[in-house]
Amino acid sequence: MTNSLSVFNLLEAREGCGLCLVGGMYRRRTATFVGPTAEDALRALGIDAAFIGANGILDGDVSTSNMDEGRIQQLAFSKADARYLIADSSRIGRRYFCPLPAQGYRFTMTRK
């Protein structure tokens, strides 16, 4: 399950990959679906693993830049059996106004 149109487009042709695109209000800037419809869809389903991208990492705090996306990310983290936080090195030293859970996940850092 994903709320990201970009992720959906990347995986949709992969054989053996069950895929569900969450609906909601489309946020063009990040190609994601957010809002109450997307949140309701997440609440109704079980999540084996959540992969969340961070916009900022500063002093052990993790954050994102959009409150609607942050709510989706927080909900996915709260429901997932396994949690993965993904960020590239350019995110270090930045802080945004919507905090994400600061622990309980595996962290992957990539080079930009």
N, C-alpha and C. Protein backbone atom coordinates (compact mmCIF):
# COMPACT_ATOMS: atom_id res chain seq x y z
N MET A 1 0.85 -1.16 0.00
CA MET A 1 0.00 0.00 0.00
C MET A 1 0.90 1.23 0.00
N THR A 2 0.51 2.22 -0.78
CA THR A 2 1.26 3.46 -0.82
C THR A 2 0.32 4.64 -1.05
N ASN A 3 0.72 5.79 -0.56
CA ASN A 3 0.01 7.02 -0.90
C ASN A 3 0.81 7.84 -1.91
N SER A 4 1.89 7.25 -2.41
CA SER A 4 2.79 7.94 -3.35
C SER A 4 2.55 7.46 -4.77
N LEU A 5 2.16 8.37 -5.63
CA LEU A 5 1.97 8.03 -7.03
C LEU A 5 3.31 7.62 -7.67
N SER A 6 4.39 8.24 -7.26
CA SER A 6 5.72 7.89 -7.79
C SER A 6 6.09 6.45 -7.45
N VAL A 7 5.86 6.04 -6.21
CA VAL A 7 6.15 4.67 -5.80
C VAL A 7 5.24 3.69 -6.54
N PHE A 8 3.98 4.04 -6.65
CA PHE A 8 3.04 3.19 -7.39
C PHE A 8 3.52 2.99 -8.83
N ASN A 9 3.90 4.06 -9.51
CA ASN A 9 4.36 3.96 -10.89
C ASN A 9 5.63 3.12 -11.01
N LEU A 10 6.48 3.17 -10.00
CA LEU A 10 7.72 2.40 -10.01
C LEU A 10 7.45 0.90 -9.86
N LEU A 11 6.46 0.55 -9.03
CA LEU A 11 6.22 -0.85 -8.70
C LEU A 11 5.10 -1.52 -9.48
N GLU A 12 4.28 -0.77 -10.19
CA GLU A 12 3.07 -1.33 -10.77
C GLU A 12 3.31 -2.41 -11.81
N ALA A 13 4.42 -2.43 -12.48
CA ALA A 13 4.69 -3.45 -13.48
C ALA A 13 5.43 -4.67 -12.91
N ARG A 14 5.81 -4.61 -11.66
CA ARG A 14 6.58 -5.70 -11.05
C ARG A 14 5.68 -6.91 -10.82
N GLU A 15 6.10 -8.05 -11.35
CA GLU A 15 5.36 -9.30 -11.18
C GLU A 15 5.35 -9.72 -9.72
N GLY A 16 4.23 -10.23 -9.28
CA GLY A 16 4.12 -10.75 -7.92
C GLY A 16 4.07 -9.69 -6.84
N CYS A 17 3.89 -8.46 -7.23
CA CYS A 17 3.84 -7.37 -6.25
C CYS A 17 2.40 -6.90 -6.10
N GLY A 18 1.76 -7.27 -4.98
CA GLY A 18 0.42 -6.76 -4.70
C GLY A 18 0.54 -5.30 -4.31
N LEU A 19 -0.27 -4.46 -4.90
CA LEU A 19 -0.09 -3.03 -4.70
C LEU A 19 -1.44 -2.34 -4.58
N CYS A 20 -1.56 -1.48 -3.58
CA CYS A 20 -2.77 -0.71 -3.35
C CYS A 20 -2.38 0.77 -3.26
N LEU A 21 -3.01 1.60 -4.09
CA LEU A 21 -2.78 3.04 -4.05
C LEU A 21 -3.88 3.69 -3.22
N VAL A 22 -3.48 4.35 -2.14
CA VAL A 22 -4.42 5.03 -1.25
C VAL A 22 -4.91 6.30 -1.93
N GLY A 23 -6.20 6.53 -1.90
CA GLY A 23 -6.76 7.74 -2.50
C GLY A 23 -6.73 8.91 -1.54
N GLY A 24 -7.36 9.98 -1.92
CA GLY A 24 -7.41 11.19 -1.09
C GLY A 24 -7.14 12.41 -1.94
N MET A 25 -6.79 13.49 -1.28
CA MET A 25 -6.44 14.72 -1.99
C MET A 25 -5.02 14.59 -2.53
N TYR A 26 -4.87 14.89 -3.81
CA TYR A 26 -3.56 14.75 -4.46
C TYR A 26 -2.71 15.99 -4.19
N ARG A 27 -1.52 15.76 -3.68
CA ARG A 27 -0.57 16.85 -3.42
C ARG A 27 0.50 16.80 -4.51
N ARG A 28 0.35 17.67 -5.49
CA ARG A 28 1.19 17.64 -6.69
C ARG A 28 2.68 17.78 -6.37
N ARG A 29 3.02 18.63 -5.42
CA ARG A 29 4.43 18.91 -5.13
C ARG A 29 5.21 17.64 -4.79
N THR A 30 4.56 16.71 -4.07
CA THR A 30 5.25 15.49 -3.68
C THR A 30 4.64 14.24 -4.32
N ALA A 31 3.64 14.41 -5.17
CA ALA A 31 2.96 13.30 -5.85
C ALA A 31 2.41 12.28 -4.85
N THR A 32 1.78 12.79 -3.79
CA THR A 32 1.20 11.92 -2.77
C THR A 32 -0.27 12.25 -2.56
N PHE A 33 -0.97 11.27 -2.00
CA PHE A 33 -2.37 11.46 -1.62
C PHE A 33 -2.44 11.61 -0.11
N VAL A 34 -3.17 12.62 0.35
CA VAL A 34 -3.26 12.93 1.77
C VAL A 34 -4.71 13.25 2.13
N GLY A 35 -4.94 13.50 3.41
CA GLY A 35 -6.25 13.92 3.86
C GLY A 35 -7.06 12.79 4.47
N PRO A 36 -8.30 13.10 4.87
CA PRO A 36 -9.14 12.13 5.58
C PRO A 36 -9.39 10.83 4.82
N THR A 37 -9.55 10.88 3.52
CA THR A 37 -9.80 9.65 2.75
C THR A 37 -8.59 8.72 2.82
N ALA A 38 -7.40 9.28 2.65
CA ALA A 38 -6.17 8.49 2.73
C ALA A 38 -5.98 7.95 4.15
N GLU A 39 -6.25 8.78 5.15
CA GLU A 39 -6.09 8.36 6.54
C GLU A 39 -7.08 7.24 6.88
N ASP A 40 -8.32 7.34 6.44
CA ASP A 40 -9.31 6.29 6.68
C ASP A 40 -8.89 4.97 6.04
N ALA A 41 -8.33 5.04 4.84
CA ALA A 41 -7.87 3.82 4.17
C ALA A 41 -6.75 3.15 4.97
N LEU A 42 -5.82 3.93 5.48
CA LEU A 42 -4.74 3.37 6.29
C LEU A 42 -5.27 2.76 7.58
N ARG A 43 -6.21 3.41 8.22
CA ARG A 43 -6.77 2.90 9.48
C ARG A 43 -7.43 1.54 9.29
N ALA A 44 -8.00 1.31 8.12
CA ALA A 44 -8.77 0.09 7.87
C ALA A 44 -7.91 -1.12 7.54
N LEU A 45 -6.63 -0.92 7.25
CA LEU A 45 -5.77 -2.00 6.78
C LEU A 45 -4.62 -2.26 7.73
N GLY A 46 -4.12 -3.50 7.70
CA GLY A 46 -2.91 -3.83 8.44
C GLY A 46 -1.69 -3.47 7.60
N ILE A 47 -0.61 -3.10 8.25
CA ILE A 47 0.61 -2.71 7.54
C ILE A 47 1.76 -3.55 8.07
N ASP A 48 2.37 -4.33 7.18
CA ASP A 48 3.52 -5.14 7.57
C ASP A 48 4.75 -4.26 7.79
N ALA A 49 5.02 -3.38 6.83
CA ALA A 49 6.21 -2.52 6.91
C ALA A 49 5.88 -1.14 6.36
N ALA A 50 6.32 -0.11 7.06
CA ALA A 50 6.14 1.27 6.62
C ALA A 50 7.51 1.86 6.29
N PHE A 51 7.61 2.45 5.10
CA PHE A 51 8.82 3.13 4.66
C PHE A 51 8.48 4.62 4.56
N ILE A 52 9.11 5.42 5.41
CA ILE A 52 8.78 6.83 5.52
C ILE A 52 10.01 7.67 5.19
N GLY A 53 9.82 8.67 4.36
CA GLY A 53 10.91 9.59 4.03
C GLY A 53 10.87 10.79 4.96
N ALA A 54 12.03 11.20 5.44
CA ALA A 54 12.14 12.35 6.34
C ALA A 54 12.66 13.56 5.57
N ASN A 55 12.13 14.74 5.90
CA ASN A 55 12.63 15.99 5.32
C ASN A 55 13.74 16.60 6.17
N GLY A 56 13.71 16.33 7.48
CA GLY A 56 14.70 16.93 8.36
C GLY A 56 15.12 16.00 9.48
N ILE A 57 16.41 16.06 9.83
CA ILE A 57 16.96 15.31 10.95
C ILE A 57 17.90 16.26 11.68
N LEU A 58 17.55 16.59 12.93
CA LEU A 58 18.35 17.53 13.70
C LEU A 58 18.29 17.16 15.18
N ASP A 59 19.46 16.98 15.77
CA ASP A 59 19.57 16.67 17.20
C ASP A 59 18.69 15.49 17.61
N GLY A 60 18.63 14.46 16.77
CA GLY A 60 17.85 13.27 17.07
C GLY A 60 16.37 13.40 16.77
N ASP A 61 15.92 14.59 16.38
CA ASP A 61 14.52 14.79 16.00
C ASP A 61 14.36 14.59 14.50
N VAL A 62 13.24 14.01 14.14
CA VAL A 62 12.92 13.75 12.74
C VAL A 62 11.66 14.53 12.40
N SER A 63 11.63 15.14 11.21
CA SER A 63 10.47 15.95 10.87
C SER A 63 10.19 15.91 9.37
N THR A 64 8.99 16.36 9.04
CA THR A 64 8.58 16.50 7.65
C THR A 64 8.01 17.91 7.47
N SER A 65 7.89 18.33 6.23
CA SER A 65 7.55 19.73 5.97
C SER A 65 6.07 20.00 5.76
N ASN A 66 5.25 18.96 5.72
CA ASN A 66 3.83 19.16 5.45
C ASN A 66 3.00 18.43 6.48
N MET A 67 2.07 19.12 7.11
CA MET A 67 1.28 18.52 8.18
C MET A 67 0.39 17.37 7.69
N ASP A 68 -0.21 17.51 6.51
CA ASP A 68 -1.04 16.43 5.98
C ASP A 68 -0.23 15.18 5.72
N GLU A 69 0.95 15.34 5.14
CA GLU A 69 1.82 14.18 4.91
C GLU A 69 2.31 13.62 6.24
N GLY A 70 2.60 14.51 7.19
CA GLY A 70 3.04 14.06 8.50
C GLY A 70 2.01 13.19 9.20
N ARG A 71 0.73 13.55 9.08
CA ARG A 71 -0.33 12.73 9.69
C ARG A 71 -0.38 11.33 9.07
N ILE A 72 -0.24 11.26 7.76
CA ILE A 72 -0.22 9.97 7.08
C ILE A 72 0.98 9.14 7.55
N GLN A 73 2.14 9.78 7.63
CA GLN A 73 3.35 9.09 8.05
C GLN A 73 3.24 8.60 9.49
N GLN A 74 2.72 9.45 10.38
CA GLN A 74 2.54 9.04 11.78
C GLN A 74 1.57 7.88 11.90
N LEU A 75 0.50 7.92 11.14
CA LEU A 75 -0.49 6.84 11.17
C LEU A 75 0.12 5.53 10.64
N ALA A 76 0.85 5.61 9.54
CA ALA A 76 1.50 4.41 8.99
C ALA A 76 2.48 3.82 10.00
N PHE A 77 3.27 4.67 10.65
CA PHE A 77 4.21 4.20 11.67
C PHE A 77 3.47 3.52 12.82
N SER A 78 2.36 4.11 13.25
CA SER A 78 1.65 3.56 14.42
C SER A 78 1.03 2.20 14.12
N LYS A 79 0.73 1.91 12.86
CA LYS A 79 0.07 0.65 12.49
C LYS A 79 1.03 -0.43 12.00
N ALA A 80 2.24 -0.06 11.64
CA ALA A 80 3.16 -0.99 10.99
C ALA A 80 3.86 -1.92 11.99
N ASP A 81 4.07 -3.15 11.54
CA ASP A 81 4.86 -4.09 12.33
C ASP A 81 6.34 -3.75 12.29
N ALA A 82 6.81 -3.30 11.13
CA ALA A 82 8.21 -2.89 10.96
C ALA A 82 8.22 -1.48 10.40
N ARG A 83 9.13 -0.65 10.90
CA ARG A 83 9.18 0.76 10.51
C ARG A 83 10.57 1.11 9.99
N TYR A 84 10.60 1.77 8.84
CA TYR A 84 11.87 2.16 8.21
C TYR A 84 11.81 3.64 7.87
N LEU A 85 12.80 4.37 8.34
CA LEU A 85 12.92 5.79 8.04
C LEU A 85 14.04 5.94 7.02
N ILE A 86 13.74 6.64 5.93
CA ILE A 86 14.70 6.79 4.84
C ILE A 86 14.96 8.27 4.61
N ALA A 87 16.22 8.62 4.47
CA ALA A 87 16.58 10.02 4.20
C ALA A 87 17.91 10.06 3.47
N ASP A 88 18.11 11.11 2.70
CA ASP A 88 19.43 11.30 2.12
C ASP A 88 20.21 12.28 2.99
N SER A 89 21.51 12.30 2.77
CA SER A 89 22.39 13.07 3.65
C SER A 89 22.09 14.56 3.67
N SER A 90 21.41 15.08 2.67
CA SER A 90 21.10 16.52 2.65
C SER A 90 20.07 16.89 3.72
N ARG A 91 19.41 15.91 4.32
CA ARG A 91 18.37 16.18 5.34
C ARG A 91 18.94 16.44 6.73
N ILE A 92 20.20 16.09 6.93
CA ILE A 92 20.82 16.29 8.24
C ILE A 92 21.01 17.78 8.48
N GLY A 93 20.67 18.22 9.69
CA GLY A 93 20.81 19.62 10.06
C GLY A 93 19.60 20.46 9.75
N ARG A 94 18.54 19.82 9.26
CA ARG A 94 17.29 20.54 8.96
C ARG A 94 16.21 20.15 9.94
N ARG A 95 15.34 21.10 10.23
CA ARG A 95 14.17 20.83 11.07
C ARG A 95 12.95 21.48 10.43
N TYR A 96 11.86 20.75 10.40
CA TYR A 96 10.59 21.26 9.89
C TYR A 96 9.56 21.19 11.00
N PHE A 97 8.40 21.77 10.78
CA PHE A 97 7.44 21.96 11.86
C PHE A 97 6.58 20.75 12.17
N CYS A 98 6.61 19.69 11.40
CA CYS A 98 5.79 18.52 11.69
C CYS A 98 6.68 17.36 12.13
N PRO A 99 6.70 17.07 13.43
CA PRO A 99 7.58 16.01 13.93
C PRO A 99 7.07 14.62 13.55
N LEU A 100 8.01 13.71 13.39
CA LEU A 100 7.71 12.30 13.18
C LEU A 100 8.20 11.53 14.39
N PRO A 101 7.74 10.30 14.58
CA PRO A 101 8.23 9.53 15.73
C PRO A 101 9.76 9.48 15.72
N ALA A 102 10.35 9.73 16.86
CA ALA A 102 11.81 9.84 16.94
C ALA A 102 12.49 8.51 17.23
N GLN A 103 11.73 7.45 17.41
CA GLN A 103 12.34 6.16 17.69
C GLN A 103 11.41 5.04 17.26
N GLY A 104 11.92 3.82 17.35
CA GLY A 104 11.11 2.66 17.00
C GLY A 104 11.16 2.30 15.53
N TYR A 105 12.22 2.71 14.84
CA TYR A 105 12.35 2.41 13.42
C TYR A 105 13.79 2.07 13.08
N ARG A 106 13.97 1.46 11.94
CA ARG A 106 15.30 1.26 11.37
C ARG A 106 15.56 2.43 10.45
N PHE A 107 16.79 2.89 10.45
CA PHE A 107 17.13 4.10 9.71
C PHE A 107 18.06 3.77 8.55
N THR A 108 17.76 4.30 7.37
CA THR A 108 18.62 4.14 6.20
C THR A 108 18.98 5.52 5.67
N MET A 109 20.27 5.77 5.54
CA MET A 109 20.75 7.04 5.01
C MET A 109 21.36 6.78 3.64
N THR A 110 21.00 7.62 2.69
CA THR A 110 21.57 7.51 1.36
C THR A 110 22.36 8.78 1.05
N ARG A 111 23.22 8.72 0.08
CA ARG A 111 23.90 9.92 -0.38
C ARG A 111 23.02 10.58 -1.41
N LYS A 112 23.00 11.88 -1.39
CA LYS A 112 22.16 12.61 -2.36
C LYS A 112 22.73 12.50 -3.75
